[in-house]
C-alpha atoms as a PDB file:
ATOM      1  CA  MET A   1     -28.458  36.543  -0.384  1.00  0.00           C
ATOM      2  CA  ARG A   2     -31.822  37.541   0.367  1.00  0.00           C
ATOM      3  CA  ARG A   3     -30.488  41.375  -0.320  1.00  0.00           C
ATOM      4  CA  GLN A   4     -28.549  40.293  -3.569  1.00  0.00           C
ATOM      5  CA  LEU A   5     -31.721  38.335  -4.974  1.00  0.00           C
ATOM      6  CA  GLU A   6     -34.025  41.420  -3.986  1.00  0.00           C
ATOM      7  CA  ALA A   7     -31.898  43.777  -6.080  1.00  0.00           C
ATOM      8  CA  PHE A   8     -31.804  41.265  -8.903  1.00  0.00           C
ATOM      9  CA  ASP A   9     -35.791  41.380  -8.762  1.00  0.00           C
ATOM     10  CA  SER A  10     -35.993  45.001  -8.639  1.00  0.00           C
ATOM     11  CA  TYR A  11     -37.736  47.312 -11.570  1.00  0.00           C
ATOM     12  CA  PRO A  12     -38.252  50.478 -10.099  1.00  0.00           C
ATOM     13  CA  ASP A  13     -40.277  51.563 -12.720  1.00  0.00           C
ATOM     14  CA  ALA A  14     -42.515  48.615 -12.985  1.00  0.00           C
ATOM     15  CA  ALA A  15     -46.171  48.750 -11.889  1.00  0.00           C
ATOM     16  CA  GLN A  16     -46.826  47.871  -8.302  1.00  0.00           C
ATOM     17  CA  PRO A  17     -49.361  45.450  -6.789  1.00  0.00           C
ATOM     18  CA  PRO A  18     -52.916  46.167  -5.801  1.00  0.00           C
ATOM     19  CA  ASP A  19     -53.723  47.704  -2.357  1.00  0.00           C
ATOM     20  CA  VAL A  20     -55.824  45.223  -0.445  1.00  0.00           C
ATOM     21  CA  VAL A  21     -56.851  44.309   3.227  1.00  0.00           C
ATOM     22  CA  THR A  22     -54.815  42.048   4.813  1.00  0.00           C
ATOM     23  CA  GLU A  23     -54.543  40.437   8.498  1.00  0.00           C
ATOM     24  CA  GLU A  24     -51.776  39.012  10.217  1.00  0.00           C
ATOM     25  CA  ARG A  25     -52.776  35.822  12.401  1.00  0.00           C
ATOM     26  CA  ASN A  26     -50.801  33.006  13.820  1.00  0.00           C
ATOM     27  CA  ILE A  27     -52.947  29.852  13.653  1.00  0.00           C
ATOM     28  CA  PRO A  28     -52.296  26.536  15.589  1.00  0.00           C
ATOM     29  CA  GLY A  29     -49.562  23.791  14.257  1.00  0.00           C
ATOM     30  CA  PRO A  30     -48.194  21.025  15.407  1.00  0.00           C
ATOM     31  CA  HIS A  31     -45.102  22.441  16.116  1.00  0.00           C
ATOM     32  CA  GLY A  32     -46.215  25.743  17.489  1.00  0.00           C
ATOM     33  CA  PRO A  33     -47.709  28.420  15.739  1.00  0.00           C
ATOM     34  CA  VAL A  34     -47.963  29.218  11.658  1.00  0.00           C
ATOM     35  CA  PRO A  35     -47.667  32.834  10.974  1.00  0.00           C
ATOM     36  CA  VAL A  36     -50.107  33.610   8.201  1.00  0.00           C
ATOM     37  CA  ARG A  37     -51.286  36.706   5.946  1.00  0.00           C
ATOM     38  CA  ILE A  38     -55.152  36.848   4.966  1.00  0.00           C
ATOM     39  CA  TYR A  39     -55.702  38.888   1.962  1.00  0.00           C
ATOM     40  CA  PHE A  40     -59.368  40.079   1.752  1.00  0.00           C
ATOM     41  CA  PRO A  41     -60.789  42.064  -1.247  1.00  0.00           C
ATOM     42  CA  ALA A  42     -63.308  45.170  -0.840  1.00  0.00           C
ATOM     43  CA  ALA A  43     -66.368  44.096   1.216  1.00  0.00           C
ATOM     44  CA  THR A  44     -68.947  44.167  -1.862  1.00  0.00           C
ATOM     45  CA  ALA A  45     -69.908  40.721  -0.752  1.00  0.00           C
ATOM     46  CA  LEU A  46     -68.961  38.704   2.730  1.00  0.00           C
ATOM     47  CA  ARG A  47     -69.934  35.200   1.643  1.00  0.00           C
ATOM     48  CA  GLY A  48     -69.144  33.365  -1.508  1.00  0.00           C
ATOM     49  CA  ARG A  49     -65.788  34.221  -2.512  1.00  0.00           C
ATOM     50  CA  PRO A  50     -63.168  31.775  -3.680  1.00  0.00           C
ATOM     51  CA  GLY A  51     -60.506  30.833  -1.118  1.00  0.00           C
ATOM     52  CA  PHE A  52     -56.912  30.618  -2.331  1.00  0.00           C
ATOM     53  CA  VAL A  53     -54.106  29.208   0.134  1.00  0.00           C
ATOM     54  CA  TRP A  54     -50.616  30.071  -1.023  1.00  0.00           C
ATOM     55  CA  MET A  55     -46.647  29.045  -0.027  1.00  0.00           C
ATOM     56  CA  HIS A  56     -43.910  30.861  -1.467  1.00  0.00           C
ATOM     57  CA  GLY A  57     -40.731  28.964  -2.708  1.00  0.00           C
ATOM     58  CA  GLY A  58     -37.313  29.253  -1.666  1.00  0.00           C
ATOM     59  CA  ALA A  59     -35.659  26.113  -1.941  1.00  0.00           C
ATOM     60  CA  PHE A  60     -37.524  25.069   1.599  1.00  0.00           C
ATOM     61  CA  ARG A  61     -34.347  27.060   3.074  1.00  0.00           C
ATOM     62  CA  PHE A  62     -35.380  30.892   2.304  1.00  0.00           C
ATOM     63  CA  GLY A  63     -38.685  33.405   1.755  1.00  0.00           C
ATOM     64  CA  ASP A  64     -41.355  34.415   3.872  1.00  0.00           C
ATOM     65  CA  LEU A  65     -44.790  36.534   3.284  1.00  0.00           C
ATOM     66  CA  ASP A  66     -43.155  39.325   2.498  1.00  0.00           C
ATOM     67  CA  MET A  67     -41.160  38.051  -0.731  1.00  0.00           C
ATOM     68  CA  LYS A  68     -43.105  38.890  -3.834  1.00  0.00           C
ATOM     69  CA  GLU A  69     -43.498  35.940  -5.003  1.00  0.00           C
ATOM     70  CA  ALA A  70     -45.783  35.535  -1.675  1.00  0.00           C
ATOM     71  CA  ASP A  71     -46.801  39.226  -1.010  1.00  0.00           C
ATOM     72  CA  TRP A  72     -47.470  40.274  -5.024  1.00  0.00           C
ATOM     73  CA  THR A  73     -48.982  37.204  -6.050  1.00  0.00           C
ATOM     74  CA  ALA A  74     -51.493  37.616  -3.314  1.00  0.00           C
ATOM     75  CA  ARG A  75     -52.529  40.702  -3.911  1.00  0.00           C
ATOM     76  CA  GLU A  76     -52.918  40.308  -7.692  1.00  0.00           C
ATOM     77  CA  LEU A  77     -54.871  37.286  -7.148  1.00  0.00           C
ATOM     78  CA  VAL A  78     -57.158  38.979  -4.929  1.00  0.00           C
ATOM     79  CA  HIS A  79     -57.322  41.920  -7.325  1.00  0.00           C
ATOM     80  CA  LYS A  80     -58.019  39.210 -10.322  1.00  0.00           C
ATOM     81  CA  ALA A  81     -60.516  37.035  -9.105  1.00  0.00           C
ATOM     82  CA  GLY A  82     -62.397  38.677  -5.983  1.00  0.00           C
ATOM     83  CA  ALA A  83     -60.196  35.842  -3.868  1.00  0.00           C
ATOM     84  CA  VAL A  84     -59.682  35.708  -0.295  1.00  0.00           C
ATOM     85  CA  VAL A  85     -55.770  34.491  -0.138  1.00  0.00           C
ATOM     86  CA  MET A  86     -54.079  33.251   2.711  1.00  0.00           C
ATOM     87  CA  SER A  87     -50.024  33.143   2.123  1.00  0.00           C
ATOM     88  CA  VAL A  88     -48.463  30.839   4.742  1.00  0.00           C
ATOM     89  CA  ASP A  89     -45.392  31.175   6.715  1.00  0.00           C
ATOM     90  CA  TYR A  90     -44.052  27.391   6.948  1.00  0.00           C
ATOM     91  CA  ARG A  91     -41.174  26.945   8.848  1.00  0.00           C
ATOM     92  CA  LEU A  92     -37.855  26.610   6.771  1.00  0.00           C
ATOM     93  CA  ALA A  93     -35.364  23.969   6.652  1.00  0.00           C
ATOM     94  CA  VAL A  94     -32.824  25.515   8.380  1.00  0.00           C
ATOM     95  CA  GLU A  95     -31.392  25.262  11.944  1.00  0.00           C
ATOM     96  CA  GLY A  96     -32.415  21.723  12.079  1.00  0.00           C
ATOM     97  CA  VAL A  97     -35.362  21.653  11.093  1.00  0.00           C
ATOM     98  CA  ASN A  98     -36.225  19.008   8.083  1.00  0.00           C
ATOM     99  CA  TYR A  99     -39.290  17.208   6.753  1.00  0.00           C
ATOM    100  CA  PRO A 100     -41.857  16.745   7.799  1.00  0.00           C
ATOM    101  CA  VAL A 101     -42.091  19.836   9.432  1.00  0.00           C
ATOM    102  CA  PRO A 102     -42.714  22.515   6.456  1.00  0.00           C
ATOM    103  CA  LEU A 103     -45.342  20.175   5.010  1.00  0.00           C
ATOM    104  CA  ASP A 104     -47.204  19.926   8.602  1.00  0.00           C
ATOM    105  CA  ASP A 105     -47.059  23.507   8.852  1.00  0.00           C
ATOM    106  CA  VAL A 106     -49.175  23.753   5.326  1.00  0.00           C
ATOM    107  CA  VAL A 107     -51.517  21.041   6.195  1.00  0.00           C
ATOM    108  CA  ALA A 108     -52.117  22.737   9.579  1.00  0.00           C
ATOM    109  CA  ALA A 109     -53.155  26.027   7.637  1.00  0.00           C
ATOM    110  CA  ILE A 110     -55.303  24.208   4.948  1.00  0.00           C
ATOM    111  CA  GLN A 111     -56.946  22.598   7.706  1.00  0.00           C
ATOM    112  CA  TRP A 112     -57.656  25.837   9.457  1.00  0.00           C
ATOM    113  CA  VAL A 113     -59.149  27.235   6.129  1.00  0.00           C
ATOM    114  CA  ARG A 114     -61.463  24.277   6.150  1.00  0.00           C
ATOM    115  CA  GLU A 115     -62.695  24.881   9.627  1.00  0.00           C
ATOM    116  CA  ASN A 116     -63.145  28.521   9.292  1.00  0.00           C
ATOM    117  CA  SER A 117     -64.273  28.931   5.587  1.00  0.00           C
ATOM    118  CA  ALA A 118     -67.698  30.606   7.109  1.00  0.00           C
ATOM    119  CA  ASP A 119     -65.678  33.521   9.275  1.00  0.00           C
ATOM    120  CA  LEU A 120     -63.373  33.631   6.071  1.00  0.00           C
ATOM    121  CA  GLY A 121     -66.432  34.146   3.660  1.00  0.00           C
ATOM    122  CA  ILE A 122     -65.277  31.643   1.357  1.00  0.00           C
ATOM    123  CA  SER A 123     -67.050  28.839  -0.466  1.00  0.00           C
ATOM    124  CA  SER A 124     -64.304  27.042  -1.982  1.00  0.00           C
ATOM    125  CA  ILE A 125     -60.596  26.118  -1.363  1.00  0.00           C
ATOM    126  CA  SER A 126     -57.879  25.896  -3.730  1.00  0.00           C
ATOM    127  CA  ILE A 127     -54.050  25.675  -3.052  1.00  0.00           C
ATOM    128  CA  GLY A 128     -50.987  26.083  -5.019  1.00  0.00           C
ATOM    129  CA  GLY A 129     -47.350  27.513  -4.362  1.00  0.00           C
ATOM    130  CA  ALA A 130     -44.493  28.174  -6.239  1.00  0.00           C
ATOM    131  CA  SER A 131     -41.150  26.528  -6.707  1.00  0.00           C
ATOM    132  CA  ALA A 132     -40.589  24.495  -3.097  1.00  0.00           C
ATOM    133  CA  GLY A 133     -44.066  25.966  -2.044  1.00  0.00           C
ATOM    134  CA  ALA A 134     -45.704  23.700  -5.201  1.00  0.00           C
ATOM    135  CA  ASN A 135     -43.618  20.998  -3.857  1.00  0.00           C
ATOM    136  CA  LEU A 136     -45.400  21.524  -0.518  1.00  0.00           C
ATOM    137  CA  ALA A 137     -49.015  22.331  -1.890  1.00  0.00           C
ATOM    138  CA  ALA A 138     -49.108  18.991  -3.839  1.00  0.00           C
ATOM    139  CA  GLY A 139     -47.963  16.840  -0.625  1.00  0.00           C
ATOM    140  CA  ALA A 140     -50.621  18.495   1.193  1.00  0.00           C
ATOM    141  CA  ALA A 141     -53.013  17.856  -1.517  1.00  0.00           C
ATOM    142  CA  LEU A 142     -51.828  13.921  -1.234  1.00  0.00           C
ATOM    143  CA  ARG A 143     -51.625  14.141   2.626  1.00  0.00           C
ATOM    144  CA  LEU A 144     -55.366  15.514   3.072  1.00  0.00           C
ATOM    145  CA  ARG A 145     -56.705  13.356   0.393  1.00  0.00           C
ATOM    146  CA  ASP A 146     -55.775  10.119   2.278  1.00  0.00           C
ATOM    147  CA  ALA A 147     -56.120  11.563   5.594  1.00  0.00           C
ATOM    148  CA  ASP A 148     -59.123  13.060   5.403  1.00  0.00           C
ATOM    149  CA  ASN A 149     -60.464  11.736   1.880  1.00  0.00           C
ATOM    150  CA  TRP A 150     -60.662  15.823   1.159  1.00  0.00           C
ATOM    151  CA  LYS A 151     -60.031  17.423  -1.993  1.00  0.00           C
ATOM    152  CA  CYS A 152     -59.481  20.847  -2.715  1.00  0.00           C
ATOM    153  CA  GLU A 153     -61.262  22.199  -5.834  1.00  0.00           C
ATOM    154  CA  HIS A 154     -57.602  23.721  -7.780  1.00  0.00           C
ATOM    155  CA  LEU A 155     -54.261  22.917  -7.454  1.00  0.00           C
ATOM    156  CA  VAL A 156     -51.894  25.216  -8.901  1.00  0.00           C
ATOM    157  CA  LEU A 157     -48.083  24.407  -9.326  1.00  0.00           C
ATOM    158  CA  ALA A 158     -45.929  27.210 -10.452  1.00  0.00           C
ATOM    159  CA  TYR A 159     -42.409  26.026 -11.504  1.00  0.00           C
ATOM    160  CA  PRO A 160     -42.458  23.387  -9.192  1.00  0.00           C
ATOM    161  CA  SER A 161     -39.683  20.915  -7.809  1.00  0.00           C
ATOM    162  CA  MET A 162     -41.230  17.263  -7.292  1.00  0.00           C
ATOM    163  CA  HIS A 163     -39.022  14.860  -8.063  1.00  0.00           C
ATOM    164  CA  VAL A 164     -35.817  13.617  -6.129  1.00  0.00           C
ATOM    165  CA  ASP A 165     -33.687  13.958  -9.172  1.00  0.00           C
ATOM    166  CA  LEU A 166     -34.588  16.164 -11.865  1.00  0.00           C
ATOM    167  CA  PRO A 167     -35.861  14.208 -14.613  1.00  0.00           C
ATOM    168  CA  ASP A 168     -34.152  14.086 -18.248  1.00  0.00           C
ATOM    169  CA  PRO A 169     -35.108  17.299 -19.991  1.00  0.00           C
ATOM    170  CA  SER A 170     -37.214  17.430 -23.348  1.00  0.00           C
ATOM    171  CA  LYS A 171     -35.405  18.196 -26.228  1.00  0.00           C
ATOM    172  CA  SER A 172     -36.721  21.784 -26.463  1.00  0.00           C
ATOM    173  CA  LEU A 173     -35.778  22.341 -22.941  1.00  0.00           C
ATOM    174  CA  GLU A 174     -32.184  21.285 -24.131  1.00  0.00           C
ATOM    175  CA  LEU A 175     -32.055  23.689 -26.416  1.00  0.00           C
ATOM    176  CA  ALA A 176     -33.049  26.679 -24.111  1.00  0.00           C
ATOM    177  CA  LEU A 177     -30.935  25.545 -21.198  1.00  0.00           C
ATOM    178  CA  ALA A 178     -28.057  25.894 -24.107  1.00  0.00           C
ATOM    179  CA  GLU A 179     -29.041  29.279 -24.174  1.00  0.00           C
ATOM    180  CA  MET A 180     -28.469  30.486 -20.682  1.00  0.00           C
ATOM    181  CA  LEU A 181     -25.561  31.542 -18.633  1.00  0.00           C
ATOM    182  CA  PRO A 182     -24.285  29.102 -16.112  1.00  0.00           C
ATOM    183  CA  ALA A 183     -24.883  31.245 -13.260  1.00  0.00           C
ATOM    184  CA  MET A 184     -28.505  31.402 -14.485  1.00  0.00           C
ATOM    185  CA  ARG A 185     -28.904  27.501 -14.034  1.00  0.00           C
ATOM    186  CA  LEU A 186     -30.312  25.299 -11.627  1.00  0.00           C
ATOM    187  CA  THR A 187     -26.950  22.811 -11.154  1.00  0.00           C
ATOM    188  CA  PRO A 188     -27.784  18.904  -9.817  1.00  0.00           C
ATOM    189  CA  GLY A 189     -25.531  19.814  -7.289  1.00  0.00           C
ATOM    190  CA  MET A 190     -27.440  22.929  -6.048  1.00  0.00           C
ATOM    191  CA  PHE A 191     -30.646  20.176  -6.788  1.00  0.00           C
ATOM    192  CA  ARG A 192     -29.444  17.732  -4.525  1.00  0.00           C
ATOM    193  CA  SER A 193     -28.348  20.014  -1.876  1.00  0.00           C
ATOM    194  CA  MET A 194     -31.843  21.392  -1.756  1.00  0.00           C
ATOM    195  CA  ARG A 195     -33.545  17.710  -1.360  1.00  0.00           C
ATOM    196  CA  GLU A 196     -31.041  16.750   1.159  1.00  0.00           C
ATOM    197  CA  ASN A 197     -31.215  19.626   3.172  1.00  0.00           C
ATOM    198  CA  TYR A 198     -35.217  19.130   3.433  1.00  0.00           C
ATOM    199  CA  LEU A 199     -35.103  15.757   3.989  1.00  0.00           C
ATOM    200  CA  GLY A 200     -32.451  15.235   6.263  1.00  0.00           C
ATOM    201  CA  ALA A 201     -31.919  11.476   7.247  1.00  0.00           C
ATOM    202  CA  LEU A 202     -34.849  10.621   4.702  1.00  0.00           C
ATOM    203  CA  SER A 203     -32.664  12.014   1.748  1.00  0.00           C
ATOM    204  CA  SER A 204     -31.985   8.477   0.574  1.00  0.00           C
ATOM    205  CA  ASN A 205     -35.563   6.766   1.173  1.00  0.00           C
ATOM    206  CA  PRO A 206     -38.034  10.014   0.856  1.00  0.00           C
ATOM    207  CA  PRO A 207     -41.774   9.558   1.255  1.00  0.00           C
ATOM    208  CA  SER A 208     -43.811  10.515  -1.268  1.00  0.00           C
ATOM    209  CA  TYR A 209     -45.750  13.620   0.667  1.00  0.00           C
ATOM    210  CA  ALA A 210     -42.150  14.964   0.209  1.00  0.00           C
ATOM    211  CA  MET A 211     -41.415  14.117  -3.007  1.00  0.00           C
ATOM    212  CA  PRO A 212     -44.797  14.026  -4.907  1.00  0.00           C
ATOM    213  CA  GLY A 213     -43.230  12.590  -7.894  1.00  0.00           C
ATOM    214  CA  LEU A 214     -43.191   9.460  -6.219  1.00  0.00           C
ATOM    215  CA  ALA A 215     -46.690   9.450  -5.376  1.00  0.00           C
ATOM    216  CA  ASP A 216     -50.115   7.550  -6.709  1.00  0.00           C
ATOM    217  CA  LEU A 217     -51.534  10.879  -7.793  1.00  0.00           C
ATOM    218  CA  ARG A 218     -54.795   9.145  -8.422  1.00  0.00           C
ATOM    219  CA  GLY A 219     -57.717  11.458  -6.607  1.00  0.00           C
ATOM    220  CA  LEU A 220     -55.909  14.615  -6.856  1.00  0.00           C
ATOM    221  CA  PRO A 221     -58.349  17.743  -8.155  1.00  0.00           C
ATOM    222  CA  PRO A 222     -57.712  19.854 -11.609  1.00  0.00           C
ATOM    223  CA  THR A 223     -54.323  21.163 -11.776  1.00  0.00           C
ATOM    224  CA  LEU A 224     -52.612  24.029 -13.398  1.00  0.00           C
ATOM    225  CA  VAL A 225     -48.788  23.580 -14.153  1.00  0.00           C
ATOM    226  CA  LEU A 226     -46.947  26.829 -15.060  1.00  0.00           C
ATOM    227  CA  ASN A 227     -43.491  25.809 -16.372  1.00  0.00           C
ATOM    228  CA  ALA A 228     -40.886  28.865 -16.986  1.00  0.00           C
ATOM    229  CA  GLU A 229     -39.122  28.165 -20.500  1.00  0.00           C
ATOM    230  CA  TYR A 230     -35.924  28.673 -19.539  1.00  0.00           C
ATOM    231  CA  ASP A 231     -35.456  26.765 -16.189  1.00  0.00           C
ATOM    232  CA  ASP A 232     -34.046  23.424 -15.294  1.00  0.00           C
ATOM    233  CA  LEU A 233     -37.107  22.481 -13.250  1.00  0.00           C
ATOM    234  CA  ARG A 234     -39.367  22.679 -16.078  1.00  0.00           C
ATOM    235  CA  ALA A 235     -38.097  19.067 -16.435  1.00  0.00           C
ATOM    236  CA  SER A 236     -39.798  18.285 -13.170  1.00  0.00           C
ATOM    237  CA  GLY A 237     -43.393  20.078 -13.975  1.00  0.00           C
ATOM    238  CA  GLU A 238     -43.247  18.441 -17.498  1.00  0.00           C
ATOM    239  CA  ALA A 239     -42.949  15.124 -16.103  1.00  0.00           C
ATOM    240  CA  PHE A 240     -45.600  15.549 -13.094  1.00  0.00           C
ATOM    241  CA  SER A 241     -47.867  17.106 -15.275  1.00  0.00           C
ATOM    242  CA  ALA A 242     -47.432  13.603 -17.933  1.00  0.00           C
ATOM    243  CA  ALA A 243     -47.849  11.573 -14.599  1.00  0.00           C
ATOM    244  CA  LEU A 244     -51.037  13.426 -13.688  1.00  0.00           C
ATOM    245  CA  ALA A 245     -52.274  13.012 -17.234  1.00  0.00           C
ATOM    246  CA  GLY A 246     -51.252   9.344 -17.030  1.00  0.00           C
ATOM    247  CA  ALA A 247     -53.402   8.970 -13.928  1.00  0.00           C
ATOM    248  CA  GLY A 248     -56.396  10.531 -15.985  1.00  0.00           C
ATOM    249  CA  LEU A 249     -56.783  13.575 -14.427  1.00  0.00           C
ATOM    250  CA  ASP A 250     -57.426  17.368 -15.496  1.00  0.00           C
ATOM    251  CA  VAL A 251     -54.010  19.209 -15.976  1.00  0.00           C
ATOM    252  CA  GLU A 252     -53.173  21.890 -17.902  1.00  0.00           C
ATOM    253  CA  GLN A 253     -50.023  22.602 -19.000  1.00  0.00           C
ATOM    254  CA  VAL A 254     -48.764  25.926 -19.435  1.00  0.00           C
ATOM    255  CA  LEU A 255     -45.238  26.844 -21.023  1.00  0.00           C
ATOM    256  CA  VAL A 256     -44.807  30.779 -19.605  1.00  0.00           C
ATOM    257  CA  ARG A 257     -42.357  31.758 -22.452  1.00  0.00           C
ATOM    258  CA  GLY A 258     -39.119  33.850 -22.173  1.00  0.00           C
ATOM    259  CA  MET A 259     -39.116  33.600 -18.108  1.00  0.00           C
ATOM    260  CA  LEU A 260     -36.542  32.079 -15.782  1.00  0.00           C
ATOM    261  CA  HIS A 261     -37.515  30.225 -12.363  1.00  0.00           C
ATOM    262  CA  GLY A 262     -39.274  32.545 -10.201  1.00  0.00           C
ATOM    263  CA  PHE A 263     -40.885  34.949 -12.730  1.00  0.00           C
ATOM    264  CA  LEU A 264     -43.474  35.465  -9.786  1.00  0.00           C
ATOM    265  CA  ASN A 265     -41.346  37.835  -8.038  1.00  0.00           C
ATOM    266  CA  LEU A 266     -41.697  40.172 -11.181  1.00  0.00           C
ATOM    267  CA  SER A 267     -44.525  42.790 -11.629  1.00  0.00           C
ATOM    268  CA  THR A 268     -47.251  42.006 -13.880  1.00  0.00           C
ATOM    269  CA  SER A 269     -45.728  45.031 -15.794  1.00  0.00           C
ATOM    270  CA  PHE A 270     -44.162  41.606 -17.601  1.00  0.00           C
ATOM    271  CA  GLU A 271     -46.819  40.529 -19.891  1.00  0.00           C
ATOM    272  CA  PRO A 272     -45.629  36.610 -19.467  1.00  0.00           C
ATOM    273  CA  VAL A 273     -46.227  36.933 -15.518  1.00  0.00           C
ATOM    274  CA  ASP A 274     -49.764  39.195 -15.986  1.00  0.00           C
ATOM    275  CA  ASP A 275     -50.861  36.225 -18.089  1.00  0.00           C
ATOM    276  CA  ALA A 276     -49.819  33.719 -15.814  1.00  0.00           C
ATOM    277  CA  LEU A 277     -51.514  35.201 -13.168  1.00  0.00           C
ATOM    278  CA  GLU A 278     -54.513  35.892 -15.309  1.00  0.00           C
ATOM    279  CA  ARG A 279     -54.561  31.883 -15.809  1.00  0.00           C
ATOM    280  CA  ILE A 280     -54.714  31.441 -12.084  1.00  0.00           C
ATOM    281  CA  ALA A 281     -57.674  33.913 -11.601  1.00  0.00           C
ATOM    282  CA  ASP A 282     -59.664  32.547 -14.103  1.00  0.00           C
ATOM    283  CA  ARG A 283     -60.029  29.245 -12.350  1.00  0.00           C
ATOM    284  CA  LEU A 284     -60.767  30.933  -8.944  1.00  0.00           C
ATOM    285  CA  ARG A 285     -62.848  33.206 -10.524  1.00  0.00           C
ATOM    286  CA  ALA A 286     -64.730  30.411 -11.562  1.00  0.00           C
ATOM    287  CA  LEU A 287     -65.764  29.173  -8.296  1.00  0.00           C
ATOM    288  CA  ASP A 288     -67.178  32.658  -6.956  1.00  0.00           C
ATOM    289  CA  HIS A 289     -70.520  32.414  -5.728  1.00  0.00           C
ATOM    290  CA  THR A 290     -71.299  35.793  -4.823  1.00  0.00           C
ATOM    291  CA  SER A 291     -73.565  36.981  -7.268  1.00  0.00           C
END
């Protein structure tokens, strides 16, 4: 399946991501070491950079540090925002692994960045993710809010999966989905399978850290939600954005036109992808204190 996905997302003539400095590390976690890849900008300033912890998607079952959604996104944000980006290779829900193990890995990674921010040269920490990674980013933000009374600077959620069951689609989403081939849809059965695989024995009574759409959202940071126009999961992103607004929080919801789920696996040669990354970079650039 991984080979098929790579072939589908391959555009040989598309622009390649920037070449930046990277460092592979294994950081301590409650279930053993957590592999991460840290991306650094050119060393024109050693302090005051914005920090960004990023989690790839893949239905909790797939994905790694080399997938474009992980590697290309990190490289582009280093280039566009001058940020230090850490991509987290959290444990996948395979071979008996279930919640809370992937979330534990993500929380451990964020805590490590907090403890080592001076060595990383960063003065702020934002967190984000795509699809299942967005779920983990929001779950980590909620858990750290409750356990440590800590709040990151910004939360970035790209085509997020936040609910036990997909909320009813808006009228505009219904019209968009009607234009799509069945093979391009995320069916209720696929969504249910993803949820049950991740939650395991807790699938009938999931905790709010596992499904942030169930949570009390008060106290979360300013949040950017990037929804793909042609994506069943857009219903989850729209409902979560509405819940954030209902809790009185600062939320910006962006409909990325013409895009399917997983568009961050595409090159910035596609204008909507480049625009989405610029929106993330804008938030990080505002936190740059190198000058």
